[in-house]
């Protein structure tokens, strides 16, 4: 739906930056200067996407010395079930407001812009990786419970997945996973309560026979939800599970139970 709306829009009007309102000079409603100003996570951990090095240390280390795929202390101590995380942005202003506009106010134009920037950055990231195993075979949108999807009217993870899949030539399966448990909102819960809340929430509909799968969502917070779905996908035969999101929240983090 996002790409269809964008196609009609750009066929009639030139791109206009949704932040500074100037001409974007491309088929995207975001100019390159504003895109460069959007917040990102410095030195993200390759496993969880959180900042792998303390800010005061990272600032003093030359770029050519920092490892290409740093792993944070928590992931070394308690590795998550997912293999890699890629997030285009840090979940802070104005990205948090933009995602809220997309998800809760049905601003699909905003969602398309964010999803396309994510798709382009993910493509560049994959091309920069040495290991061919970085490539994934299948994108799986984080499913919503049917009641939540009826209330919202759409699944934002599906819309994001379609943009990533089309640009990167990766299949998207919107029916592989179902959310069969109507969970309470995770916000404000402790780590233990989050994990208990999400247990047995998902069903995977078929065997995956060694496919490399990536879960797609809008925001990665503590990782409890994607960890639970990752375990289900691995039990169904996936050889690995990655996580791709628009944004990653910053610490403080809850302790992870692997």
Protein backbone atom coordinates (compact mmCIF):
# COMPACT_ATOMS: atom_id res chain seq x y z
CA UNK A 1 0.00 0.00 0.00
CA UNK A 2 2.82 2.42 0.86
CA UNK A 3 4.50 2.00 -2.53
CA UNK A 4 1.23 2.34 -4.44
CA UNK A 5 0.45 5.63 -2.73
CA UNK A 6 3.97 6.89 -3.37
CA UNK A 7 3.81 5.94 -7.05
CA UNK A 8 0.67 8.02 -7.60
CA UNK A 9 2.04 10.91 -5.54
CA UNK A 10 5.39 11.19 -7.32
CA UNK A 11 3.76 10.83 -10.73
CA UNK A 12 1.82 14.03 -10.03
CA UNK A 13 4.03 16.09 -7.72
CA UNK A 14 7.78 16.44 -7.08
CA UNK A 15 9.24 15.28 -3.79
CA UNK A 16 8.81 17.66 -0.85
CA UNK A 17 10.73 17.11 2.38
CA UNK A 18 8.32 16.25 5.19
CA UNK A 19 10.67 17.86 7.75
CA UNK A 20 11.97 21.11 6.27
CA UNK A 21 9.27 21.41 3.55
CA UNK A 22 11.82 22.23 0.84
CA UNK A 23 12.05 20.40 -2.48
CA UNK A 24 13.65 17.03 -1.81
CA UNK A 25 15.23 16.79 -5.28
CA UNK A 26 14.38 13.06 -5.45
CA UNK A 27 11.42 10.69 -5.50
CA UNK A 28 11.21 10.70 -1.72
CA UNK A 29 9.63 13.22 0.63
CA UNK A 30 12.85 13.70 2.59
CA UNK A 31 15.81 15.80 1.51
CA UNK A 32 19.31 14.41 1.93
CA UNK A 33 20.27 17.03 4.51
CA UNK A 34 17.35 16.14 6.79
CA UNK A 35 17.98 12.43 6.28
CA UNK A 36 21.59 12.91 7.40
CA UNK A 37 20.37 14.67 10.56
CA UNK A 38 18.12 11.81 11.68
CA UNK A 39 19.52 10.09 14.80
CA UNK A 40 21.38 6.78 14.56
CA UNK A 41 22.98 4.47 17.12
CA UNK A 42 26.78 4.91 17.21
CA UNK A 43 28.77 1.65 17.09
CA UNK A 44 25.72 -0.65 17.29
CA UNK A 45 26.16 -4.17 18.62
CA UNK A 46 25.78 -6.56 15.70
CA UNK A 47 23.62 -8.90 17.81
CA UNK A 48 21.14 -6.60 19.58
CA UNK A 49 21.58 -3.21 17.90
CA UNK A 50 22.32 -1.34 21.12
CA UNK A 51 25.41 0.83 21.37
CA UNK A 52 28.27 -1.63 21.83
CA UNK A 53 30.82 0.84 23.18
CA UNK A 54 30.31 3.49 25.88
CA UNK A 55 29.97 6.93 24.33
CA UNK A 56 32.98 8.36 26.19
CA UNK A 57 35.18 5.51 24.90
CA UNK A 58 33.84 5.39 21.34
CA UNK A 59 34.42 9.11 20.90
CA UNK A 60 38.16 8.68 21.45
CA UNK A 61 38.67 5.62 19.22
CA UNK A 62 39.52 6.11 15.53
CA UNK A 63 37.04 4.54 13.13
CA UNK A 64 39.63 2.20 11.68
CA UNK A 65 40.32 0.63 15.08
CA UNK A 66 36.76 -0.12 16.20
CA UNK A 67 35.75 -3.67 15.14
CA UNK A 68 33.46 -3.85 12.08
CA UNK A 69 30.96 -6.02 13.95
CA UNK A 70 31.23 -5.14 17.66
CA UNK A 71 29.31 -7.20 20.21
CA UNK A 72 28.22 -5.60 23.46
CA UNK A 73 29.01 -7.04 26.87
CA UNK A 74 25.43 -8.18 27.52
CA UNK A 75 25.26 -10.13 24.26
CA UNK A 76 28.58 -11.80 25.02
CA UNK A 77 27.23 -12.86 28.42
CA UNK A 78 23.68 -13.74 27.31
CA UNK A 79 23.43 -14.07 23.50
CA UNK A 80 19.93 -13.55 22.14
CA UNK A 81 18.37 -16.21 19.90
CA UNK A 82 18.52 -13.86 16.89
CA UNK A 83 21.80 -13.60 14.99
CA UNK A 84 21.98 -9.98 13.88
CA UNK A 85 20.07 -6.72 14.25
CA UNK A 86 19.92 -3.87 11.78
CA UNK A 87 18.10 -0.63 12.60
CA UNK A 88 18.17 2.47 10.43
CA UNK A 89 17.62 4.96 13.25
CA UNK A 90 17.87 5.55 16.98
CA UNK A 91 14.46 5.88 18.62
CA UNK A 92 14.65 9.55 19.56
CA UNK A 93 13.31 12.83 18.22
CA UNK A 94 12.11 13.25 15.51
CA UNK A 95 12.09 9.55 14.57
CA UNK A 96 9.88 8.56 17.52
CA UNK A 97 7.25 11.14 16.52
CA UNK A 98 7.42 10.12 12.86
CA UNK A 99 6.88 6.44 13.71
CA UNK A 100 3.95 7.38 15.93
CA UNK A 101 2.41 9.38 13.09
CA UNK A 102 2.77 6.41 10.78
CA UNK A 103 1.50 3.79 13.20
CA UNK A 104 -1.24 5.51 15.14
CA UNK A 105 -2.29 8.36 12.85
CA UNK A 106 -2.19 6.39 9.58
CA UNK A 107 0.31 8.77 7.97
CA UNK A 108 1.34 6.30 5.25
CA UNK A 109 3.44 8.90 3.45
CA UNK A 110 5.65 9.15 6.54
CA UNK A 111 5.81 5.36 6.78
CA UNK A 112 6.90 5.06 3.17
CA UNK A 113 9.74 7.55 3.66
CA UNK A 114 11.04 5.78 6.76
CA UNK A 115 10.68 2.34 5.18
CA UNK A 116 12.53 3.37 2.02
CA UNK A 117 15.43 4.89 3.96
CA UNK A 118 15.61 1.66 5.98
CA UNK A 119 15.52 -0.45 2.80
CA UNK A 120 18.29 1.60 1.19
CA UNK A 121 20.51 1.54 4.28
CA UNK A 122 19.94 -2.18 4.74
CA UNK A 123 20.96 -2.75 1.12
CA UNK A 124 24.19 -0.79 1.62
CA UNK A 125 24.90 -2.61 4.88
CA UNK A 126 24.48 -6.01 3.24
CA UNK A 127 26.73 -5.02 0.34
CA UNK A 128 29.42 -3.93 2.79
CA UNK A 129 29.45 -7.25 4.63
CA UNK A 130 32.17 -9.73 3.71
CA UNK A 131 30.27 -12.87 4.72
CA UNK A 132 27.72 -14.13 2.22
CA UNK A 133 25.70 -15.50 5.15
CA UNK A 134 24.55 -11.94 5.87
CA UNK A 135 22.02 -12.42 3.07
CA UNK A 136 18.58 -13.57 4.23
CA UNK A 137 16.10 -15.67 2.26
CA UNK A 138 12.82 -14.54 3.76
CA UNK A 139 11.33 -11.49 5.48
CA UNK A 140 8.68 -12.12 8.14
CA UNK A 141 6.69 -9.10 9.38
CA UNK A 142 6.06 -9.10 13.12
CA UNK A 143 2.42 -10.27 13.24
CA UNK A 144 -0.31 -8.39 15.07
CA UNK A 145 -3.12 -10.16 16.86
CA UNK A 146 -6.23 -10.07 14.67
CA UNK A 147 -8.03 -7.86 17.16
CA UNK A 148 -5.20 -5.31 17.19
CA UNK A 149 -4.97 -5.35 13.41
CA UNK A 150 -8.70 -4.69 13.10
CA UNK A 151 -8.35 -1.72 15.45
CA UNK A 152 -5.36 -0.26 13.61
CA UNK A 153 -6.49 -1.18 10.12
CA UNK A 154 -3.08 -2.32 8.91
CA UNK A 155 0.15 -3.94 10.10
CA UNK A 156 3.00 -1.44 9.92
CA UNK A 157 5.57 -4.28 9.88
CA UNK A 158 4.02 -5.67 6.69
CA UNK A 159 4.26 -2.29 4.97
CA UNK A 160 7.91 -1.93 5.99
CA UNK A 161 8.70 -5.48 4.86
CA UNK A 162 7.29 -4.88 1.39
CA UNK A 163 9.61 -1.90 0.84
CA UNK A 164 12.67 -3.82 2.06
CA UNK A 165 11.77 -6.90 0.05
CA UNK A 166 11.16 -5.07 -3.22
CA UNK A 167 14.39 -3.04 -3.10
CA UNK A 168 16.56 -5.95 -1.94
CA UNK A 169 14.94 -8.78 -3.90
CA UNK A 170 13.91 -10.74 -0.80
CA UNK A 171 10.64 -12.67 -0.52
CA UNK A 172 8.10 -11.53 2.08
CA UNK A 173 5.78 -14.03 3.78
CA UNK A 174 2.91 -12.34 5.60
CA UNK A 175 1.17 -15.62 6.46
CA UNK A 176 4.01 -17.66 7.92
CA UNK A 177 3.51 -16.45 11.49
CA UNK A 178 0.35 -15.74 13.43
CA UNK A 179 -0.06 -14.00 16.75
CA UNK A 180 -2.53 -16.20 18.60
CA UNK A 181 -2.29 -14.55 22.02
CA UNK A 182 -3.61 -11.03 22.59
CA UNK A 183 -0.77 -9.80 24.79
CA UNK A 184 -0.85 -6.78 27.07
CA UNK A 185 1.28 -3.78 26.03
CA UNK A 186 4.95 -4.45 26.85
CA UNK A 187 5.65 -0.84 27.82
CA UNK A 188 6.28 -0.44 31.54
CA UNK A 189 6.67 -4.16 32.27
CA UNK A 190 9.74 -5.66 33.91
CA UNK A 191 11.96 -8.01 31.93
CA UNK A 192 10.42 -11.09 33.56
CA UNK A 193 6.89 -9.78 33.02
CA UNK A 194 7.64 -9.01 29.36
CA UNK A 195 8.84 -12.54 28.72
CA UNK A 196 5.89 -14.10 30.52
CA UNK A 197 3.50 -11.80 28.65
CA UNK A 198 4.81 -12.86 25.23
CA UNK A 199 5.24 -16.61 25.85
CA UNK A 200 3.29 -18.85 23.44
CA UNK A 201 2.03 -15.79 21.59
CA UNK A 202 3.10 -16.99 18.12
CA UNK A 203 2.48 -19.93 15.81
CA UNK A 204 4.67 -20.71 12.78
CA UNK A 205 2.65 -22.30 9.98
CA UNK A 206 5.23 -24.43 8.16
CA UNK A 207 8.71 -25.93 8.27
CA UNK A 208 11.49 -23.61 7.11
CA UNK A 209 14.11 -26.19 6.04
CA UNK A 210 17.22 -24.15 6.77
CA UNK A 211 16.01 -20.77 5.46
CA UNK A 212 17.70 -17.65 6.79
CA UNK A 213 14.85 -15.52 8.10
CA UNK A 214 14.64 -11.87 9.14
CA UNK A 215 11.89 -10.52 11.40
CA UNK A 216 10.80 -7.00 10.44
CA UNK A 217 9.22 -4.54 12.87
CA UNK A 218 9.02 -0.81 13.51
CA UNK A 219 10.85 -0.48 16.84
CA UNK A 220 13.10 -2.82 18.82
CA UNK A 221 12.92 -2.12 22.56
CA UNK A 222 14.06 -4.83 25.00
CA UNK A 223 13.96 -7.60 22.41
CA UNK A 224 11.60 -9.89 24.36
CA UNK A 225 9.03 -10.10 21.56
CA UNK A 226 11.49 -10.71 18.72
CA UNK A 227 13.35 -13.21 20.90
CA UNK A 228 10.19 -15.25 21.42
CA UNK A 229 9.34 -15.22 17.71
CA UNK A 230 12.98 -16.05 16.87
CA UNK A 231 12.80 -19.16 19.04
CA UNK A 232 9.64 -20.28 17.27
CA UNK A 233 11.22 -19.76 13.84
CA UNK A 234 14.34 -21.68 14.84
CA UNK A 235 12.20 -24.55 16.14
CA UNK A 236 10.42 -24.55 12.78
CA UNK A 237 13.74 -25.17 11.04
CA UNK A 238 15.18 -21.73 10.24
CA UNK A 239 18.97 -21.84 10.14
CA UNK A 240 19.22 -18.29 11.53
CA UNK A 241 17.05 -15.33 12.43
CA UNK A 242 17.93 -11.66 11.96
CA UNK A 243 16.00 -8.59 13.09
CA UNK A 244 15.40 -5.53 10.90
CA UNK A 245 13.64 -2.46 12.34
CA UNK A 246 13.15 1.19 11.63
CA UNK A 247 14.53 2.18 15.02
CA UNK A 248 16.30 0.87 18.13
CA UNK A 249 15.67 2.29 21.57
CA UNK A 250 18.52 3.44 23.77
CA UNK A 251 19.48 2.13 27.25
CA UNK A 252 18.55 1.65 30.04
CA UNK A 253 17.95 -1.98 29.22
CA UNK A 254 16.29 -4.77 31.15
CA UNK A 255 18.41 -7.84 31.93
CA UNK A 256 17.98 -10.43 29.22
CA UNK A 257 17.04 -14.03 29.99
CA UNK A 258 18.44 -16.10 27.13
